[in-house]
Amino acid sequence: MHVLLKFILGPISDTAEDGITARYGDGVVRKCYIRVAAWLGDHIENCTIHTIYNTRCDICEYPMAELGNHGHSNRRRDHEIYKQWVQEEDTEQLKAAGVKLVWNVLWTLRDVSPANLIRPDLLHNMFLEIVEYLRDWIEGFLTVHNRLNAFGNIWAHMPTYPGNYVPQKPYHSLSQVQGKEMRAILRVLRLVVFTAAFRYKTNVP
C-alpha cells in the first residue's frame, strides 16, 4: 500500500520545495506549494496509513490497557522518532510504541506531521454509531410492546417506490450496509416502518 501511495503522492513530494506555477480562475498566474492537510478515514484505515497497530491510538501513545479512560493526556506520536527506529530496525522500541516496521510514505511529504493529519470519517465514526444506537433502541422498545415481529414483517414487505431502497435482508439480519443503503434505511426506519408497526394487525400475513 505504501509503495502505491508513494507513486500517487510522488508529485506532491517532488514539487513541495520549489512549488508549481498555476493559473487561477481570475487569470492570474501564481506560485503554489502543495501540502497534505488531512487524511480522512476510519480507525482501521488511519492505522494502516500511519503504520500503527489497530489496537492502539493512532494520534497519541496512550497505553493500550488504558484506552477509553477520558480525562488523561498523552504526548502525540513523534513520527520523526519512528522514522529513525525503522531505519535502525529497532523492533523493540517500535513494538512498545505500537508502530509497525514499515517505511511510512507520509514521512516523505514536506511540512507534514502525520499525527496531525487524522480527521474523522463521519460515516464510520459518527453516522454508523448513531444508527446502531437508534436500531438498538427501536428493537428494545418494540420488544417491550410486543411489536418486533410486526416491525419485521413490514420491513420485509416494503414495496418499490422511486428513490426508495427495498431491503434485501430481514431487519434482524442487518449487520454491514453501505452508505447509500444506510441513508435509504433512515428514510423509512424512524417513521414509516416504526409507526406502521403500532398500527399493524397481527393477523395480517
N, C-alpha and C. Protein backbone atom coordinates (compact mmCIF):
# COMPACT_ATOMS: atom_id res chain seq x y z
N MET A 1 0.82 -1.20 0.00
CA MET A 1 0.00 0.00 0.00
C MET A 1 0.86 1.26 0.00
N HIS A 2 1.89 1.27 0.82
CA HIS A 2 2.74 2.46 0.90
C HIS A 2 3.57 2.65 -0.36
N VAL A 3 3.86 1.56 -1.05
CA VAL A 3 4.57 1.67 -2.34
C VAL A 3 3.67 2.37 -3.35
N LEU A 4 2.39 2.00 -3.38
CA LEU A 4 1.44 2.64 -4.30
C LEU A 4 1.22 4.10 -3.94
N LEU A 5 1.10 4.37 -2.63
CA LEU A 5 0.89 5.75 -2.20
C LEU A 5 2.11 6.62 -2.51
N LYS A 6 3.28 6.02 -2.47
CA LYS A 6 4.49 6.78 -2.83
C LYS A 6 4.41 7.22 -4.28
N PHE A 7 3.89 6.34 -5.15
CA PHE A 7 3.73 6.68 -6.56
C PHE A 7 2.67 7.77 -6.74
N ILE A 8 1.55 7.64 -6.00
CA ILE A 8 0.46 8.60 -6.13
C ILE A 8 0.85 9.98 -5.59
N LEU A 9 1.52 9.98 -4.44
CA LEU A 9 1.87 11.24 -3.79
C LEU A 9 3.22 11.79 -4.25
N GLY A 10 3.86 11.07 -5.15
CA GLY A 10 5.16 11.49 -5.64
C GLY A 10 5.21 12.93 -6.15
N PRO A 11 4.26 13.34 -7.00
CA PRO A 11 4.28 14.73 -7.49
C PRO A 11 4.23 15.77 -6.39
N ILE A 12 3.53 15.47 -5.29
CA ILE A 12 3.49 16.41 -4.18
C ILE A 12 4.86 16.51 -3.52
N SER A 13 5.51 15.38 -3.36
CA SER A 13 6.83 15.37 -2.75
C SER A 13 7.84 16.09 -3.64
N ASP A 14 7.75 15.89 -4.95
CA ASP A 14 8.72 16.46 -5.87
C ASP A 14 8.59 17.98 -5.97
N THR A 15 7.37 18.50 -5.84
CA THR A 15 7.15 19.94 -6.03
C THR A 15 6.98 20.69 -4.72
N ALA A 16 7.13 19.99 -3.58
CA ALA A 16 6.86 20.61 -2.29
C ALA A 16 7.78 21.78 -2.01
N GLU A 17 9.06 21.66 -2.37
CA GLU A 17 10.03 22.71 -2.03
C GLU A 17 10.02 23.85 -3.05
N ASP A 18 10.02 23.52 -4.33
CA ASP A 18 10.09 24.55 -5.37
C ASP A 18 8.72 25.08 -5.78
N GLY A 19 7.66 24.33 -5.48
CA GLY A 19 6.32 24.76 -5.86
C GLY A 19 6.05 24.57 -7.34
N ILE A 20 4.84 24.90 -7.75
CA ILE A 20 4.45 24.81 -9.15
C ILE A 20 3.78 26.12 -9.55
N THR A 21 3.79 26.40 -10.83
CA THR A 21 3.13 27.60 -11.35
C THR A 21 1.76 27.20 -11.88
N ALA A 22 0.73 27.91 -11.42
CA ALA A 22 -0.63 27.57 -11.82
C ALA A 22 -1.42 28.84 -12.13
N ARG A 23 -2.28 28.75 -13.13
CA ARG A 23 -3.14 29.87 -13.49
C ARG A 23 -4.48 29.71 -12.77
N TYR A 24 -4.85 30.69 -12.01
CA TYR A 24 -6.08 30.65 -11.22
C TYR A 24 -7.29 31.05 -12.07
N GLY A 25 -8.46 30.91 -11.48
CA GLY A 25 -9.69 31.24 -12.18
C GLY A 25 -9.80 32.70 -12.56
N ASP A 26 -9.10 33.58 -11.83
CA ASP A 26 -9.14 35.00 -12.16
C ASP A 26 -8.12 35.38 -13.22
N GLY A 27 -7.42 34.34 -13.78
CA GLY A 27 -6.45 34.59 -14.84
C GLY A 27 -5.06 34.92 -14.36
N VAL A 28 -4.86 35.10 -13.07
CA VAL A 28 -3.54 35.43 -12.52
C VAL A 28 -2.72 34.16 -12.32
N VAL A 29 -1.46 34.21 -12.71
CA VAL A 29 -0.55 33.08 -12.52
C VAL A 29 0.14 33.24 -11.16
N ARG A 30 0.06 32.20 -10.36
CA ARG A 30 0.64 32.26 -9.03
C ARG A 30 1.51 31.04 -8.76
N LYS A 31 2.38 31.18 -7.79
CA LYS A 31 3.22 30.08 -7.34
C LYS A 31 2.48 29.30 -6.27
N CYS A 32 2.37 28.00 -6.42
CA CYS A 32 1.61 27.17 -5.48
C CYS A 32 2.52 26.16 -4.81
N TYR A 33 2.29 25.97 -3.53
CA TYR A 33 3.03 24.97 -2.76
C TYR A 33 2.00 24.01 -2.16
N ILE A 34 2.02 22.79 -2.64
CA ILE A 34 1.01 21.81 -2.28
C ILE A 34 1.39 21.13 -0.97
N ARG A 35 0.45 21.05 -0.06
CA ARG A 35 0.65 20.37 1.21
C ARG A 35 -0.54 19.46 1.50
N VAL A 36 -0.26 18.33 2.12
CA VAL A 36 -1.34 17.44 2.58
C VAL A 36 -1.79 17.95 3.95
N ALA A 37 -3.07 18.26 4.07
CA ALA A 37 -3.59 18.87 5.30
C ALA A 37 -4.41 17.90 6.15
N ALA A 38 -4.96 16.87 5.56
CA ALA A 38 -5.81 15.95 6.32
C ALA A 38 -5.88 14.61 5.62
N TRP A 39 -6.20 13.59 6.40
CA TRP A 39 -6.40 12.25 5.85
C TRP A 39 -7.67 11.69 6.47
N LEU A 40 -8.71 11.53 5.64
CA LEU A 40 -9.99 11.04 6.14
C LEU A 40 -10.03 9.53 6.13
N GLY A 41 -10.51 8.95 7.20
CA GLY A 41 -10.61 7.50 7.26
C GLY A 41 -11.15 7.06 8.61
N ASP A 42 -11.59 5.81 8.69
CA ASP A 42 -11.99 5.28 9.98
C ASP A 42 -10.74 4.84 10.74
N HIS A 43 -10.92 4.26 11.90
CA HIS A 43 -9.76 3.92 12.74
C HIS A 43 -8.82 2.94 12.04
N ILE A 44 -9.37 1.89 11.46
CA ILE A 44 -8.54 0.87 10.82
C ILE A 44 -7.77 1.47 9.64
N GLU A 45 -8.43 2.29 8.84
CA GLU A 45 -7.77 2.91 7.69
C GLU A 45 -6.65 3.85 8.12
N ASN A 46 -6.90 4.62 9.19
CA ASN A 46 -5.87 5.52 9.69
C ASN A 46 -4.69 4.75 10.27
N CYS A 47 -4.97 3.66 10.95
CA CYS A 47 -3.87 2.84 11.48
C CYS A 47 -3.03 2.28 10.35
N THR A 48 -3.66 1.90 9.25
CA THR A 48 -2.92 1.35 8.11
C THR A 48 -2.02 2.39 7.48
N ILE A 49 -2.56 3.58 7.21
CA ILE A 49 -1.76 4.61 6.56
C ILE A 49 -0.69 5.16 7.49
N HIS A 50 -0.91 5.11 8.80
CA HIS A 50 0.07 5.62 9.74
C HIS A 50 0.95 4.51 10.33
N THR A 51 0.80 3.30 9.81
CA THR A 51 1.59 2.12 10.22
C THR A 51 1.52 1.89 11.73
N ILE A 52 0.33 2.05 12.29
CA ILE A 52 0.10 1.83 13.71
C ILE A 52 -0.74 0.57 13.89
N TYR A 53 -0.47 -0.21 14.91
CA TYR A 53 -1.31 -1.36 15.19
C TYR A 53 -2.73 -0.89 15.53
N ASN A 54 -3.73 -1.63 15.03
CA ASN A 54 -5.11 -1.14 15.18
C ASN A 54 -5.66 -1.28 16.59
N THR A 55 -4.86 -1.84 17.50
CA THR A 55 -5.27 -1.88 18.91
C THR A 55 -4.76 -0.67 19.68
N ARG A 56 -4.09 0.24 18.97
CA ARG A 56 -3.52 1.42 19.62
C ARG A 56 -4.13 2.69 19.04
N CYS A 57 -3.97 3.78 19.79
CA CYS A 57 -4.44 5.08 19.30
C CYS A 57 -3.48 5.55 18.22
N ASP A 58 -4.03 6.06 17.11
CA ASP A 58 -3.18 6.49 16.01
C ASP A 58 -2.74 7.95 16.14
N ILE A 59 -3.20 8.62 17.19
CA ILE A 59 -2.82 10.03 17.39
C ILE A 59 -1.79 10.18 18.52
N CYS A 60 -1.99 9.45 19.61
CA CYS A 60 -1.06 9.57 20.74
C CYS A 60 -0.58 8.18 21.17
N GLU A 61 0.33 8.17 22.13
CA GLU A 61 0.91 6.91 22.60
C GLU A 61 0.27 6.46 23.91
N TYR A 62 -1.01 6.66 24.01
CA TYR A 62 -1.71 6.27 25.23
C TYR A 62 -1.61 4.75 25.40
N PRO A 63 -1.32 4.26 26.61
CA PRO A 63 -1.18 2.81 26.83
C PRO A 63 -2.44 2.06 26.42
N MET A 64 -2.25 0.92 25.76
CA MET A 64 -3.37 0.15 25.24
C MET A 64 -4.34 -0.25 26.35
N ALA A 65 -3.81 -0.62 27.52
CA ALA A 65 -4.67 -1.09 28.61
C ALA A 65 -5.53 0.03 29.19
N GLU A 66 -5.18 1.27 28.91
CA GLU A 66 -5.91 2.39 29.49
C GLU A 66 -6.74 3.15 28.47
N LEU A 67 -6.85 2.64 27.25
CA LEU A 67 -7.66 3.31 26.24
C LEU A 67 -9.11 3.38 26.70
N GLY A 68 -9.74 4.51 26.48
CA GLY A 68 -11.12 4.70 26.89
C GLY A 68 -11.26 5.46 28.18
N ASN A 69 -10.15 5.64 28.90
CA ASN A 69 -10.19 6.43 30.14
C ASN A 69 -10.00 7.90 29.80
N HIS A 70 -11.07 8.61 29.68
CA HIS A 70 -11.01 10.01 29.28
C HIS A 70 -10.47 10.88 30.41
N GLY A 71 -10.02 12.05 30.06
CA GLY A 71 -9.53 12.97 31.07
C GLY A 71 -8.03 12.93 31.24
N HIS A 72 -7.37 12.00 30.55
CA HIS A 72 -5.92 11.91 30.63
C HIS A 72 -5.32 12.38 29.31
N SER A 73 -4.14 12.91 29.38
CA SER A 73 -3.46 13.38 28.18
C SER A 73 -2.18 12.59 27.99
N ASN A 74 -1.76 12.50 26.77
CA ASN A 74 -0.50 11.84 26.45
C ASN A 74 0.09 12.52 25.24
N ARG A 75 1.37 12.42 25.09
CA ARG A 75 2.03 13.13 24.01
C ARG A 75 1.65 12.53 22.66
N ARG A 76 1.57 13.43 21.67
CA ARG A 76 1.26 12.98 20.32
C ARG A 76 2.40 12.13 19.77
N ARG A 77 2.06 11.31 18.83
CA ARG A 77 3.07 10.43 18.24
C ARG A 77 4.12 11.25 17.49
N ASP A 78 5.38 10.92 17.74
CA ASP A 78 6.50 11.60 17.11
C ASP A 78 7.03 10.72 15.99
N HIS A 79 6.61 10.99 14.77
CA HIS A 79 6.98 10.14 13.65
C HIS A 79 8.44 10.32 13.23
N GLU A 80 9.06 11.40 13.68
CA GLU A 80 10.49 11.55 13.42
C GLU A 80 11.28 10.48 14.16
N ILE A 81 10.86 10.18 15.36
CA ILE A 81 11.50 9.10 16.11
C ILE A 81 11.21 7.76 15.47
N TYR A 82 9.96 7.57 15.02
CA TYR A 82 9.60 6.30 14.37
C TYR A 82 10.43 6.08 13.11
N LYS A 83 10.64 7.16 12.38
CA LYS A 83 11.44 7.06 11.17
C LYS A 83 12.86 6.55 11.49
N GLN A 84 13.40 7.10 12.56
CA GLN A 84 14.74 6.67 12.98
C GLN A 84 14.74 5.22 13.41
N TRP A 85 13.73 4.82 14.17
CA TRP A 85 13.66 3.43 14.63
C TRP A 85 13.50 2.46 13.47
N VAL A 86 12.70 2.85 12.46
CA VAL A 86 12.53 1.99 11.29
C VAL A 86 13.85 1.85 10.53
N GLN A 87 14.57 2.93 10.38
CA GLN A 87 15.88 2.88 9.70
C GLN A 87 16.86 1.99 10.46
N GLU A 88 16.79 2.01 11.78
CA GLU A 88 17.68 1.19 12.61
C GLU A 88 17.11 -0.20 12.85
N GLU A 89 15.88 -0.44 12.35
CA GLU A 89 15.17 -1.71 12.56
C GLU A 89 15.07 -2.05 14.05
N ASP A 90 14.77 -1.03 14.83
CA ASP A 90 14.62 -1.19 16.28
C ASP A 90 13.21 -1.69 16.58
N THR A 91 13.01 -2.97 16.42
CA THR A 91 11.68 -3.56 16.57
C THR A 91 11.16 -3.47 18.00
N GLU A 92 12.05 -3.48 18.96
CA GLU A 92 11.61 -3.42 20.35
C GLU A 92 10.95 -2.08 20.67
N GLN A 93 11.60 -0.98 20.26
CA GLN A 93 11.04 0.33 20.51
C GLN A 93 9.75 0.54 19.70
N LEU A 94 9.75 0.07 18.47
CA LEU A 94 8.57 0.22 17.63
C LEU A 94 7.38 -0.52 18.21
N LYS A 95 7.62 -1.75 18.67
CA LYS A 95 6.54 -2.54 19.22
C LYS A 95 5.98 -1.89 20.49
N ALA A 96 6.85 -1.35 21.31
CA ALA A 96 6.40 -0.70 22.54
C ALA A 96 5.52 0.51 22.25
N ALA A 97 5.80 1.19 21.13
CA ALA A 97 5.01 2.35 20.74
C ALA A 97 3.81 1.97 19.89
N GLY A 98 3.68 0.68 19.55
CA GLY A 98 2.55 0.24 18.73
C GLY A 98 2.71 0.57 17.27
N VAL A 99 3.96 0.63 16.78
CA VAL A 99 4.25 1.01 15.40
C VAL A 99 4.83 -0.18 14.64
N LYS A 100 4.43 -0.34 13.38
CA LYS A 100 4.92 -1.42 12.55
C LYS A 100 6.26 -1.07 11.90
N LEU A 101 7.03 -2.08 11.58
CA LEU A 101 8.31 -1.88 10.91
C LEU A 101 8.06 -1.68 9.42
N VAL A 102 7.50 -0.53 9.08
CA VAL A 102 7.15 -0.19 7.70
C VAL A 102 7.56 1.25 7.44
N TRP A 103 8.18 1.50 6.27
CA TRP A 103 8.53 2.87 5.91
C TRP A 103 7.28 3.60 5.48
N ASN A 104 6.92 4.63 6.25
CA ASN A 104 5.67 5.36 6.04
C ASN A 104 5.86 6.42 4.96
N VAL A 105 5.02 6.36 3.93
CA VAL A 105 5.13 7.30 2.81
C VAL A 105 4.87 8.74 3.26
N LEU A 106 4.10 8.92 4.34
CA LEU A 106 3.83 10.27 4.83
C LEU A 106 5.10 10.96 5.31
N TRP A 107 6.11 10.18 5.64
CA TRP A 107 7.37 10.76 6.10
C TRP A 107 8.11 11.47 4.97
N THR A 108 7.73 11.21 3.74
CA THR A 108 8.41 11.84 2.61
C THR A 108 7.78 13.18 2.22
N LEU A 109 6.64 13.52 2.85
CA LEU A 109 5.94 14.75 2.50
C LEU A 109 6.47 15.91 3.33
N ARG A 110 6.63 17.04 2.69
CA ARG A 110 7.18 18.22 3.35
C ARG A 110 6.15 18.89 4.26
N ASP A 111 6.63 19.35 5.42
CA ASP A 111 5.80 20.08 6.37
C ASP A 111 4.56 19.31 6.80
N VAL A 112 4.73 18.01 6.99
CA VAL A 112 3.61 17.16 7.39
C VAL A 112 3.93 16.46 8.70
N SER A 113 3.04 16.60 9.66
CA SER A 113 3.11 15.84 10.90
C SER A 113 1.99 14.81 10.85
N PRO A 114 2.30 13.56 10.58
CA PRO A 114 1.25 12.55 10.37
C PRO A 114 0.17 12.51 11.45
N ALA A 115 0.56 12.69 12.70
CA ALA A 115 -0.44 12.62 13.77
C ALA A 115 -1.45 13.75 13.69
N ASN A 116 -1.08 14.85 13.01
CA ASN A 116 -2.00 15.99 12.87
C ASN A 116 -2.87 15.88 11.63
N LEU A 117 -2.64 14.87 10.80
CA LEU A 117 -3.41 14.71 9.57
C LEU A 117 -4.76 14.04 9.80
N ILE A 118 -4.86 13.29 10.87
CA ILE A 118 -6.03 12.43 11.08
C ILE A 118 -7.29 13.25 11.30
N ARG A 119 -8.28 12.97 10.50
CA ARG A 119 -9.59 13.58 10.63
C ARG A 119 -10.64 12.47 10.61
N PRO A 120 -11.71 12.60 11.38
CA PRO A 120 -12.70 11.53 11.44
C PRO A 120 -13.49 11.41 10.15
N ASP A 121 -13.75 10.18 9.78
CA ASP A 121 -14.66 9.87 8.68
C ASP A 121 -16.06 9.84 9.28
N LEU A 122 -16.90 10.80 8.94
CA LEU A 122 -18.21 10.92 9.58
C LEU A 122 -19.06 9.67 9.41
N LEU A 123 -18.94 9.03 8.25
CA LEU A 123 -19.76 7.84 8.02
C LEU A 123 -19.45 6.76 9.05
N HIS A 124 -18.15 6.46 9.22
CA HIS A 124 -17.77 5.35 10.08
C HIS A 124 -17.74 5.72 11.56
N ASN A 125 -17.30 6.91 11.87
CA ASN A 125 -17.09 7.26 13.27
C ASN A 125 -18.30 7.85 13.96
N MET A 126 -19.23 8.42 13.21
CA MET A 126 -20.38 9.03 13.84
C MET A 126 -21.70 8.46 13.32
N PHE A 127 -21.87 8.49 12.00
CA PHE A 127 -23.15 8.13 11.40
C PHE A 127 -23.55 6.70 11.76
N LEU A 128 -22.63 5.76 11.55
CA LEU A 128 -22.97 4.36 11.81
C LEU A 128 -23.23 4.10 13.28
N GLU A 129 -22.48 4.79 14.16
CA GLU A 129 -22.69 4.60 15.59
C GLU A 129 -24.07 5.11 16.01
N ILE A 130 -24.46 6.25 15.46
CA ILE A 130 -25.77 6.81 15.79
C ILE A 130 -26.88 5.89 15.31
N VAL A 131 -26.72 5.36 14.09
CA VAL A 131 -27.74 4.46 13.54
C VAL A 131 -27.79 3.16 14.35
N GLU A 132 -26.64 2.66 14.76
CA GLU A 132 -26.61 1.44 15.56
C GLU A 132 -27.34 1.66 16.89
N TYR A 133 -27.09 2.82 17.50
CA TYR A 133 -27.78 3.15 18.76
C TYR A 133 -29.29 3.23 18.53
N LEU A 134 -29.69 3.87 17.42
CA LEU A 134 -31.11 4.00 17.10
C LEU A 134 -31.75 2.63 16.90
N ARG A 135 -31.06 1.76 16.17
CA ARG A 135 -31.60 0.42 15.92
C ARG A 135 -31.78 -0.34 17.23
N ASP A 136 -30.79 -0.28 18.11
CA ASP A 136 -30.89 -1.00 19.39
C ASP A 136 -32.06 -0.46 20.22
N TRP A 137 -32.23 0.87 20.19
CA TRP A 137 -33.33 1.47 20.96
C TRP A 137 -34.67 1.02 20.40
N ILE A 138 -34.80 1.03 19.08
CA ILE A 138 -36.05 0.63 18.44
C ILE A 138 -36.38 -0.82 18.75
N GLU A 139 -35.38 -1.69 18.65
CA GLU A 139 -35.62 -3.10 18.92
C GLU A 139 -36.06 -3.31 20.37
N GLY A 140 -35.40 -2.62 21.30
CA GLY A 140 -35.78 -2.77 22.70
C GLY A 140 -37.18 -2.26 22.97
N PHE A 141 -37.52 -1.11 22.37
CA PHE A 141 -38.84 -0.51 22.55
C PHE A 141 -39.93 -1.43 21.98
N LEU A 142 -39.69 -1.94 20.77
CA LEU A 142 -40.68 -2.80 20.14
C LEU A 142 -40.83 -4.13 20.87
N THR A 143 -39.74 -4.62 21.42
CA THR A 143 -39.81 -5.87 22.17
C THR A 143 -40.67 -5.71 23.42
N VAL A 144 -40.49 -4.61 24.13
CA VAL A 144 -41.29 -4.33 25.33
C VAL A 144 -42.77 -4.28 25.00
N HIS A 145 -43.11 -3.71 23.84
CA HIS A 145 -44.51 -3.56 23.45
C HIS A 145 -44.99 -4.70 22.54
N ASN A 146 -44.18 -5.74 22.43
CA ASN A 146 -44.55 -6.93 21.65
C ASN A 146 -44.90 -6.60 20.20
N ARG A 147 -44.12 -5.71 19.58
CA ARG A 147 -44.39 -5.33 18.20
C ARG A 147 -43.18 -5.59 17.29
N LEU A 148 -42.19 -6.32 17.78
CA LEU A 148 -40.98 -6.53 16.98
C LEU A 148 -41.26 -7.36 15.74
N ASN A 149 -42.12 -8.40 15.86
CA ASN A 149 -42.44 -9.22 14.69
C ASN A 149 -43.21 -8.42 13.65
N ALA A 150 -44.11 -7.56 14.10
CA ALA A 150 -44.87 -6.72 13.18
C ALA A 150 -43.93 -5.79 12.43
N PHE A 151 -42.99 -5.23 13.16
CA PHE A 151 -41.99 -4.35 12.54
C PHE A 151 -41.21 -5.11 11.47
N GLY A 152 -40.78 -6.33 11.81
CA GLY A 152 -40.00 -7.13 10.86
C GLY A 152 -40.79 -7.48 9.61
N ASN A 153 -42.09 -7.77 9.77
CA ASN A 153 -42.93 -8.11 8.62
C ASN A 153 -43.10 -6.92 7.68
N ILE A 154 -43.33 -5.74 8.25
CA ILE A 154 -43.48 -4.54 7.42
C ILE A 154 -42.17 -4.23 6.72
N TRP A 155 -41.08 -4.37 7.43
CA TRP A 155 -39.75 -4.12 6.86
C TRP A 155 -39.50 -5.01 5.64
N ALA A 156 -39.88 -6.28 5.75
CA ALA A 156 -39.60 -7.25 4.69
C ALA A 156 -40.53 -7.10 3.49
N HIS A 157 -41.66 -6.41 3.66
CA HIS A 157 -42.65 -6.32 2.59
C HIS A 157 -42.83 -4.90 2.06
N MET A 158 -41.88 -4.04 2.28
CA MET A 158 -41.99 -2.68 1.73
C MET A 158 -41.98 -2.73 0.21
N PRO A 159 -42.91 -2.05 -0.45
CA PRO A 159 -42.97 -2.08 -1.92
C PRO A 159 -41.93 -1.15 -2.53
N THR A 160 -41.68 -1.35 -3.80
CA THR A 160 -40.76 -0.47 -4.52
C THR A 160 -41.41 0.90 -4.73
N TYR A 161 -40.57 1.91 -4.74
CA TYR A 161 -41.04 3.29 -4.94
C TYR A 161 -39.83 4.10 -5.40
N PRO A 162 -40.03 5.07 -6.31
CA PRO A 162 -38.89 5.86 -6.79
C PRO A 162 -38.09 6.47 -5.64
N GLY A 163 -36.82 6.16 -5.62
CA GLY A 163 -35.95 6.67 -4.58
C GLY A 163 -35.99 5.88 -3.29
N ASN A 164 -36.82 4.83 -3.25
CA ASN A 164 -36.94 4.04 -2.03
C ASN A 164 -36.06 2.79 -2.13
N TYR A 165 -35.31 2.52 -1.09
CA TYR A 165 -34.47 1.32 -1.03
C TYR A 165 -35.29 0.15 -0.52
N VAL A 166 -35.34 -0.92 -1.29
CA VAL A 166 -36.06 -2.12 -0.88
C VAL A 166 -35.08 -3.05 -0.17
N PRO A 167 -35.28 -3.35 1.10
CA PRO A 167 -34.34 -4.19 1.85
C PRO A 167 -34.19 -5.57 1.22
N GLN A 168 -32.97 -6.05 1.22
CA GLN A 168 -32.70 -7.38 0.70
C GLN A 168 -32.64 -8.43 1.81
N LYS A 169 -32.56 -7.96 3.06
CA LYS A 169 -32.46 -8.87 4.20
C LYS A 169 -33.50 -8.50 5.25
N PRO A 170 -33.88 -9.48 6.09
CA PRO A 170 -34.75 -9.14 7.21
C PRO A 170 -34.06 -8.13 8.12
N TYR A 171 -34.83 -7.35 8.84
CA TYR A 171 -34.27 -6.29 9.68
C TYR A 171 -33.27 -6.84 10.69
N HIS A 172 -33.60 -7.96 11.33
CA HIS A 172 -32.72 -8.51 12.36
C HIS A 172 -31.43 -9.07 11.80
N SER A 173 -31.35 -9.24 10.46
CA SER A 173 -30.14 -9.80 9.84
C SER A 173 -29.17 -8.73 9.36
N LEU A 174 -29.54 -7.46 9.50
CA LEU A 174 -28.66 -6.39 9.05
C LEU A 174 -27.41 -6.34 9.91
N SER A 175 -26.26 -6.35 9.28
CA SER A 175 -25.01 -6.24 10.04
C SER A 175 -24.15 -5.14 9.45
N GLN A 176 -23.78 -5.26 8.16
CA GLN A 176 -22.99 -4.25 7.50
C GLN A 176 -23.74 -3.76 6.27
N VAL A 177 -23.84 -2.46 6.13
CA VAL A 177 -24.51 -1.87 4.97
C VAL A 177 -23.66 -0.74 4.44
N GLN A 178 -23.84 -0.44 3.15
CA GLN A 178 -23.11 0.65 2.53
C GLN A 178 -23.77 1.99 2.88
N GLY A 179 -23.01 3.07 2.64
CA GLY A 179 -23.52 4.39 2.98
C GLY A 179 -24.82 4.71 2.27
N LYS A 180 -24.94 4.33 0.99
CA LYS A 180 -26.16 4.59 0.23
C LYS A 180 -27.33 3.86 0.84
N GLU A 181 -27.12 2.61 1.24
CA GLU A 181 -28.18 1.83 1.85
C GLU A 181 -28.56 2.41 3.21
N MET A 182 -27.53 2.88 3.97
CA MET A 182 -27.80 3.43 5.29
C MET A 182 -28.68 4.67 5.20
N ARG A 183 -28.40 5.54 4.25
CA ARG A 183 -29.21 6.74 4.10
C ARG A 183 -30.65 6.39 3.72
N ALA A 184 -30.79 5.38 2.85
CA ALA A 184 -32.13 4.96 2.43
C ALA A 184 -32.89 4.33 3.59
N ILE A 185 -32.18 3.56 4.40
CA ILE A 185 -32.82 2.91 5.54
C ILE A 185 -33.37 3.94 6.52
N LEU A 186 -32.61 5.01 6.74
CA LEU A 186 -33.04 6.03 7.69
C LEU A 186 -34.32 6.73 7.25
N ARG A 187 -34.55 6.77 5.95
CA ARG A 187 -35.76 7.44 5.46
C ARG A 187 -37.03 6.72 5.92
N VAL A 188 -36.94 5.41 6.08
CA VAL A 188 -38.14 4.63 6.42
C VAL A 188 -38.08 4.05 7.82
N LEU A 189 -36.91 4.01 8.39
CA LEU A 189 -36.76 3.32 9.68
C LEU A 189 -37.51 4.01 10.80
N ARG A 190 -37.35 5.32 10.89
CA ARG A 190 -37.84 6.02 12.08
C ARG A 190 -39.35 6.22 12.06
N LEU A 191 -39.93 6.63 10.91
CA LEU A 191 -41.35 7.00 10.89
C LEU A 191 -42.22 5.97 10.18
N VAL A 192 -41.83 5.66 8.95
CA VAL A 192 -42.71 4.81 8.13
C VAL A 192 -42.89 3.43 8.74
N VAL A 193 -41.79 2.69 8.89
CA VAL A 193 -41.91 1.32 9.40
C VAL A 193 -42.21 1.32 10.89
N PHE A 194 -41.51 2.19 11.62
CA PHE A 194 -41.67 2.22 13.08
C PHE A 194 -43.11 2.56 13.46
N THR A 195 -43.67 3.59 12.84
CA THR A 195 -45.05 3.99 13.14
C THR A 195 -46.05 2.93 12.70
N ALA A 196 -45.82 2.38 11.51
CA ALA A 196 -46.74 1.37 10.99
C ALA A 196 -46.77 0.13 11.87
N ALA A 197 -45.69 -0.15 12.55
CA ALA A 197 -45.63 -1.35 13.39
C ALA A 197 -46.67 -1.31 14.51
N PHE A 198 -47.05 -0.12 14.93
CA PHE A 198 -48.04 0.00 16.01
C PHE A 198 -49.47 0.02 15.47
N ARG A 199 -49.63 0.08 14.15
CA ARG A 199 -50.95 0.04 13.54
C ARG A 199 -51.16 -1.28 12.81
N TYR A 200 -50.14 -2.13 12.86
CA TYR A 200 -50.14 -3.38 12.11
C TYR A 200 -50.99 -4.42 12.83
N LYS A 201 -51.92 -5.05 12.11
CA LYS A 201 -52.75 -6.09 12.72
C LYS A 201 -51.98 -7.41 12.71
N THR A 202 -51.93 -8.04 13.84
CA THR A 202 -51.14 -9.25 13.98
C THR A 202 -51.66 -10.41 13.14
N ASN A 203 -52.94 -10.37 12.72
CA ASN A 203 -53.49 -11.48 11.94
C ASN A 203 -53.26 -11.28 10.44
N VAL A 204 -52.60 -10.18 10.06
CA VAL A 204 -52.28 -9.97 8.64
C VAL A 204 -51.02 -10.74 8.31
N PRO A 205 -50.99 -11.58 7.25
CA PRO A 205 -49.81 -12.38 6.94
C PRO A 205 -48.64 -11.49 6.53
